[in-house]
Protein backbone atom coordinates (compact mmCIF):
# COMPACT_ATOMS: atom_id res chain seq x y z
CA MET A 1 6.85 12.15 6.40
CA ILE A 2 3.99 12.56 8.72
CA ARG A 3 4.93 11.01 12.35
CA ILE A 4 1.83 10.40 13.61
CA ALA A 5 0.65 9.03 17.15
CA THR A 6 -2.39 7.17 18.58
CA ILE A 7 -4.46 7.55 21.04
CA GLY A 8 -7.05 4.65 21.89
CA SER A 9 -6.70 0.89 21.63
CA GLY A 10 -10.39 -0.14 20.37
CA PRO A 11 -10.87 -2.45 16.50
CA ILE A 12 -10.52 1.29 14.65
CA THR A 13 -7.28 1.52 15.61
CA THR A 14 -6.46 -1.42 14.34
CA LEU A 15 -8.01 -0.33 11.08
CA PHE A 16 -6.21 3.21 11.23
CA ALA A 17 -2.96 1.21 11.57
CA GLU A 18 -3.31 -0.36 8.77
CA ALA A 19 -4.27 2.34 6.78
CA VAL A 20 -1.35 3.96 7.84
CA ALA A 21 0.72 0.83 6.65
CA ARG A 22 -0.39 0.81 3.18
CA THR A 23 -0.55 5.21 2.62
CA PRO A 24 2.49 6.53 1.28
CA GLY A 25 3.96 9.63 3.33
CA ILE A 26 2.67 8.74 6.74
CA ARG A 27 4.17 6.25 9.58
CA ILE A 28 3.71 5.72 13.08
CA GLU A 29 5.94 6.85 15.54
CA ALA A 30 4.52 6.67 18.83
CA VAL A 31 1.37 4.91 20.81
CA PHE A 32 -0.27 5.90 23.51
CA SER A 33 -2.37 4.41 26.65
CA ARG A 34 -2.33 4.65 30.19
CA ASP A 35 -1.25 0.99 30.63
CA ILE A 36 2.47 1.47 28.93
CA ALA A 37 2.69 -2.81 29.02
CA LYS A 38 -0.78 -2.62 26.34
CA ALA A 39 1.04 0.52 24.53
CA ARG A 40 4.66 -1.07 24.21
CA ASP A 41 2.72 -4.29 22.47
CA ILE A 42 0.80 -2.09 21.03
CA ALA A 43 3.98 -0.34 19.56
CA ASP A 44 6.03 -3.37 18.78
CA GLY A 45 2.86 -4.92 16.75
CA TRP A 46 3.01 -1.90 14.47
CA GLY A 47 6.55 -1.02 14.56
CA ALA A 48 6.27 1.49 16.39
CA ALA A 49 9.79 3.20 17.64
CA ALA A 50 7.73 5.22 20.83
CA ALA A 51 5.30 3.35 23.94
CA HIS A 52 3.66 6.47 26.27
CA SER A 53 1.98 6.08 29.33
CA ASP A 54 2.23 9.68 29.99
CA LEU A 55 -0.38 11.86 27.42
CA ASP A 56 1.85 15.34 27.56
CA GLU A 57 5.40 13.16 27.62
CA MET A 58 4.41 11.84 24.44
CA LEU A 59 2.95 15.74 23.21
CA ALA A 60 5.97 17.11 23.96
CA SER A 61 8.11 14.67 22.39
CA PRO A 62 9.96 16.15 19.07
CA ASP A 63 9.93 13.09 17.08
CA VAL A 64 5.74 14.03 16.39
CA ASP A 65 4.13 15.64 13.88
CA ALA A 66 0.41 14.54 14.64
CA VAL A 67 -2.20 12.70 16.77
CA TYR A 68 -4.96 10.12 15.67
CA ILE A 69 -7.23 10.23 18.20
CA ALA A 70 -9.69 7.26 19.30
CA SER A 71 -9.95 7.41 22.68
CA PRO A 72 -13.84 7.39 24.24
CA ASN A 73 -16.25 10.18 22.77
CA SER A 74 -15.83 12.29 25.81
CA VAL A 75 -12.44 13.36 25.79
CA HIS A 76 -11.72 14.43 22.59
CA ALA A 77 -12.29 18.01 23.44
CA ALA A 78 -9.82 17.59 25.70
CA GLN A 79 -7.03 15.54 24.03
CA VAL A 80 -8.15 17.99 20.71
CA ARG A 81 -6.88 20.79 22.43
CA ALA A 82 -3.68 19.14 24.19
CA ALA A 83 -2.75 17.85 20.83
CA LEU A 84 -3.34 21.30 19.09
CA ARG A 85 -1.11 23.37 21.87
CA ALA A 86 1.55 21.42 21.36
CA GLY A 87 1.73 22.14 17.98
CA HIS A 88 0.32 18.79 16.03
CA HIS A 89 -1.79 18.24 13.34
CA VAL A 90 -4.44 16.04 14.91
CA LEU A 91 -6.77 13.33 12.67
CA VAL A 92 -9.94 12.66 15.43
CA GLU A 93 -12.26 10.10 15.74
CA LYS A 94 -16.39 10.37 14.52
CA PRO A 95 -18.46 12.61 17.19
CA ALA A 96 -14.44 14.96 16.92
CA VAL A 97 -16.59 16.66 20.12
CA LEU A 98 -19.49 16.39 21.55
CA SER A 99 -21.09 19.81 20.53
CA ALA A 100 -20.38 21.98 17.79
CA ASP A 101 -19.38 25.24 19.09
CA GLU A 102 -17.05 23.65 20.76
CA TRP A 103 -16.11 21.99 17.36
CA VAL A 104 -16.15 25.37 16.10
CA GLU A 105 -13.72 26.70 18.51
CA LEU A 106 -11.18 23.53 18.25
CA VAL A 107 -10.88 24.70 14.49
CA ALA A 108 -9.82 28.27 15.66
CA GLU A 109 -7.59 27.21 17.43
CA ALA A 110 -5.47 24.48 14.67
CA ASP A 111 -5.76 27.50 12.43
CA ALA A 112 -4.27 30.21 14.31
CA ALA A 113 -1.58 27.44 15.10
CA GLY A 114 -1.34 27.04 11.69
CA VAL A 115 -2.78 22.93 11.77
CA VAL A 116 -4.76 20.47 10.08
CA LEU A 117 -7.65 19.54 12.26
CA ILE A 118 -10.04 17.29 10.70
CA GLU A 119 -12.87 14.69 12.54
CA ALA A 120 -11.87 11.35 10.49
CA PHE A 121 -15.24 10.22 9.25
CA ARG A 122 -14.23 7.61 6.94
CA THR A 123 -17.51 7.69 4.83
CA ASP A 124 -16.97 11.20 3.08
CA TYR A 125 -13.62 9.08 1.50
CA ASP A 126 -14.48 6.35 0.60
CA PRO A 127 -14.78 4.68 -3.11
CA GLY A 128 -17.75 3.43 -2.49
CA PHE A 129 -19.32 6.95 -1.67
CA VAL A 130 -16.91 8.46 -4.53
CA ALA A 131 -19.15 6.26 -7.17
CA LEU A 132 -22.18 7.23 -5.56
CA VAL A 133 -21.88 10.46 -5.04
CA GLU A 134 -20.97 10.12 -9.56
CA LEU A 135 -24.58 8.49 -10.66
CA LEU A 136 -26.75 10.48 -8.85
CA PRO A 137 -27.10 13.25 -10.95
CA GLU A 138 -28.85 9.99 -13.55
CA LEU A 139 -31.65 9.94 -10.40
CA GLY A 140 -33.33 13.20 -11.90
CA THR A 141 -34.28 15.55 -9.69
CA LEU A 142 -33.59 13.75 -5.56
CA ARG A 143 -36.97 13.82 -3.03
CA ARG A 144 -36.59 10.79 -0.65
CA ALA A 145 -33.92 8.89 1.21
CA SER A 146 -33.75 6.45 3.35
CA LEU A 147 -30.11 6.34 5.03
CA ARG A 148 -29.74 3.25 7.86
CA PHE A 149 -26.86 2.19 9.65
CA GLU A 150 -28.63 -0.38 12.91
CA ALA A 151 -26.33 -3.12 13.74
CA LEU A 152 -26.58 -5.22 16.49
CA SER A 153 -23.85 -4.59 19.16
CA SER A 154 -22.03 -8.04 20.51
CA ARG A 155 -21.93 -5.80 23.95
CA TYR A 156 -25.69 -4.93 24.62
CA ALA A 157 -25.76 -8.42 26.21
CA LYS A 158 -23.32 -7.07 28.63
CA VAL A 159 -25.25 -4.41 29.11
CA LEU A 160 -28.57 -6.60 29.85
CA ALA A 161 -26.61 -8.70 32.03
CA GLY A 162 -25.96 -5.76 35.07
CA GLU A 163 -21.93 -4.79 32.98
CA HIS A 164 -20.53 -1.99 32.60
CA VAL A 165 -20.14 -1.15 28.92
CA ASN A 166 -17.83 2.72 27.27
CA ILE A 167 -20.35 2.73 24.31
CA PHE A 168 -23.75 2.72 26.37
CA ASP A 169 -22.45 4.79 29.15
CA PRO A 170 -23.45 8.32 28.56
CA ALA A 171 -20.77 9.43 30.69
CA MET A 172 -18.42 8.75 28.14
CA GLY A 173 -20.44 10.13 25.20
CA GLY A 174 -22.13 6.99 24.27
CA GLY A 175 -24.98 6.19 22.62
CA ALA A 176 -26.30 4.77 19.35
CA LEU A 177 -26.94 8.38 17.93
CA LEU A 178 -23.16 9.22 18.75
CA ASP A 179 -21.93 5.94 17.59
CA LEU A 180 -24.70 4.83 14.43
CA GLY A 181 -27.07 7.26 14.12
CA VAL A 182 -24.10 9.80 12.93
CA TYR A 183 -23.06 7.77 9.71
CA GLY A 184 -26.40 9.00 8.31
CA LEU A 185 -27.04 12.67 9.70
CA HIS A 186 -23.68 13.61 8.26
CA THR A 187 -23.68 11.36 5.17
CA MET A 188 -26.81 12.98 4.79
CA VAL A 189 -24.94 16.12 4.94
CA THR A 190 -22.21 15.72 2.63
CA LEU A 191 -24.86 14.35 0.06
CA PHE A 192 -27.37 17.39 0.25
CA GLY A 193 -26.04 19.99 3.19
CA ALA A 194 -27.42 21.55 6.45
CA PRO A 195 -31.66 20.90 6.18
CA ASP A 196 -34.06 23.65 7.34
CA ARG A 197 -36.31 20.63 9.72
CA VAL A 198 -34.96 17.74 11.82
CA VAL A 199 -36.73 15.62 14.47
CA GLY A 200 -36.28 12.80 15.91
CA GLU A 201 -37.32 10.13 18.00
CA ALA A 202 -35.30 7.01 20.20
CA VAL A 203 -35.93 4.00 22.44
CA ALA A 204 -33.88 4.86 25.36
CA ILE A 205 -31.95 1.44 27.17
CA ALA A 206 -31.87 0.87 30.82
CA THR A 207 -28.74 3.15 30.90
CA GLY A 208 -29.79 6.28 29.74
CA VAL A 209 -29.03 6.82 26.36
CA GLU A 210 -30.98 5.62 22.56
CA GLY A 211 -30.44 2.42 21.75
CA ALA A 212 -32.22 3.06 18.77
CA GLY A 213 -33.26 5.94 17.09
CA ALA A 214 -34.69 7.71 14.23
CA VAL A 215 -35.02 11.30 12.07
CA ILE A 216 -36.46 12.53 9.69
CA ALA A 217 -34.65 15.82 7.80
CA ALA A 218 -36.74 18.67 5.52
CA TYR A 219 -35.08 20.13 2.97
CA PRO A 220 -36.97 21.85 0.07
CA GLY A 221 -38.63 18.92 -2.24
CA LEU A 222 -36.65 16.68 0.11
CA VAL A 223 -37.10 14.54 2.85
CA VAL A 224 -34.69 12.30 4.63
CA ASP A 225 -35.65 9.66 6.93
CA VAL A 226 -32.19 8.29 9.31
CA SER A 227 -32.61 6.01 11.17
CA TYR A 228 -29.59 3.92 13.73
CA SER A 229 -30.04 0.51 16.40
CA LYS A 230 -27.05 -0.68 18.65
CA ILE A 231 -29.70 -2.92 20.55
CA THR A 232 -31.71 -4.33 16.89
CA ARG A 233 -30.05 -5.49 13.18
CA SER A 234 -31.79 -4.91 10.04
CA SER A 235 -30.67 -6.09 6.89
CA LEU A 236 -32.34 -3.34 4.51
CA PRO A 237 -30.34 -1.12 2.60
CA SER A 238 -30.01 2.44 2.70
CA GLU A 239 -32.21 4.23 -0.95
CA ILE A 240 -32.11 7.04 -2.33
CA GLN A 241 -35.35 7.94 -4.77
CA GLY A 242 -34.86 10.56 -7.38
CA GLU A 243 -37.88 11.66 -10.01
CA HIS A 244 -36.19 9.23 -12.38
CA ALA A 245 -33.99 6.68 -11.04
CA SER A 246 -33.72 5.41 -6.94
CA VAL A 247 -30.26 3.17 -5.94
CA GLU A 248 -29.84 1.35 -3.07
CA ILE A 249 -27.17 1.66 -1.16
CA ASP A 250 -25.66 -1.65 1.00
CA HIS A 251 -24.26 -0.36 3.63
CA VAL A 252 -24.19 3.43 4.37
CA ALA A 253 -20.74 3.87 6.06
CA SER A 254 -18.80 2.48 3.29
CA PRO A 255 -20.90 1.23 -0.13
CA ARG A 256 -19.34 -1.23 -1.86
CA ARG A 257 -23.04 -2.28 -4.03
CA LEU A 258 -25.19 0.14 -5.68
CA THR A 259 -28.31 -0.93 -7.43
CA ILE A 260 -29.78 1.66 -9.82
CA THR A 261 -33.14 0.92 -10.78
CA GLY A 262 -35.51 3.35 -13.06
CA ALA A 263 -37.66 2.59 -16.18
CA ASP A 264 -35.19 0.93 -18.44
CA GLY A 265 -34.28 -1.65 -15.65
CA THR A 266 -31.78 -2.34 -12.62
CA ARG A 267 -27.99 -2.61 -12.95
CA THR A 268 -25.78 -2.84 -9.88
CA VAL A 269 -22.62 -1.54 -9.53
CA THR A 270 -20.02 -2.62 -7.92
CA VAL A 271 -16.88 -1.04 -5.44
CA GLU A 272 -13.77 -2.63 -5.16
CA GLY A 273 -12.31 -2.28 -1.83
CA GLU A 274 -12.45 -4.41 1.97
CA GLN A 275 -15.85 -2.47 3.30
CA HIS A 276 -14.35 -1.11 6.37
CA ALA A 277 -10.30 0.10 5.24
CA LEU A 278 -9.42 3.43 6.79
CA ASP A 279 -7.26 5.06 3.42
CA GLY A 280 -9.18 7.08 2.01
CA GLU A 281 -9.34 9.73 5.80
CA VAL A 282 -5.49 8.51 5.81
CA SER A 283 -4.79 9.83 2.02
CA ARG A 284 -6.68 12.71 2.63
CA PHE A 285 -5.12 13.51 6.05
CA VAL A 286 -1.65 13.16 4.57
CA GLU A 287 -2.58 15.59 1.28
CA LEU A 288 -3.87 18.71 4.09
CA VAL A 289 -0.43 18.31 6.06
CA SER A 290 1.72 17.86 3.07
CA THR A 291 0.14 20.37 0.85
CA GLU A 292 -1.54 23.97 0.95
CA ALA A 293 -5.17 22.43 0.80
CA SER A 294 -7.99 23.35 2.65
CA ALA A 295 -9.61 21.62 5.22
CA ALA A 296 -12.70 24.46 5.00
CA ALA A 297 -15.08 21.60 3.61
CA ASP A 298 -14.11 19.24 6.31
CA GLN A 299 -14.18 20.79 8.92
CA ASP A 300 -18.15 22.27 7.97
CA ARG A 301 -19.55 19.55 7.64
CA THR A 302 -18.41 17.93 10.77
CA THR A 303 -19.96 21.03 11.98
CA GLU A 304 -23.09 21.01 10.73
CA THR A 305 -23.42 17.36 11.81
CA LEU A 306 -22.33 18.24 15.35
CA ARG A 307 -25.53 21.10 14.78
CA ILE A 308 -27.98 18.39 14.37
CA LEU A 309 -26.68 16.00 16.49
CA ASP A 310 -26.97 18.75 19.43
CA ALA A 311 -30.47 19.64 18.36
CA LEU A 312 -31.72 15.63 18.71
CA ARG A 313 -29.72 15.65 22.25
CA ALA A 314 -31.06 18.45 23.25
CA ARG A 315 -35.54 16.78 23.16
């Protein structure tokens, strides 16, 4: 049984806890929050044995085997490093860290310590994504793809009112590129590998981060565009086009409806399961910790995605 501790108290951590409860071989052992009362409330709700407001104390606990990190992006690297040095396996929310070089260093540190480190990128392990990958061959030679994640943030109104919001704060690693753009970019890397070239443009908001933007990526014989936004909404699907057929994807992060159109007409593949469930990523983490399976491919996808993000953010 893997005894995992959590860092972070946002909605994604609740989804993680729900997935853990449905997954054999893992349980939540401890909860960290800077507010001990909040930590105790969360721990009680999840049936966790311990609550902590001192991170070093939690990491030193002999009852903890692994750590799930869902804190603000800007502190991921330091917390990952601390957990690795305490001898723990780590599952860290996307974006794992804020630069590819930093990620490569942490992966090397995890390897040296003999522990698992992967990014909690749910799409890679989602049943809808697996279904998408399985049907791609029937599209023929792939030529175009449009991957979109454009969702108006409920917190954007606070930004417009002059209030501070972590996800729109550059000092916290905020912005639409790192929060939503990463879904399209990581999915692109998983499906097609690292591109030859990328260019991007973004709309900056008052806080200095990207509110929306678009990226064009070039591959031999294939062009991919990635659109993202936290300040507008869109009902348009993502799409991958081949020479024989195309597929529309209802949600790039967790596909549940895939519509294939070709010369013989249109058909729809429906995938069962809650759209935002994290069961797949939790199961993969349990597999990596419990067996001799290699995390190298998982880690490499994160590395390549972070390299693209580095290039886009440098412009």
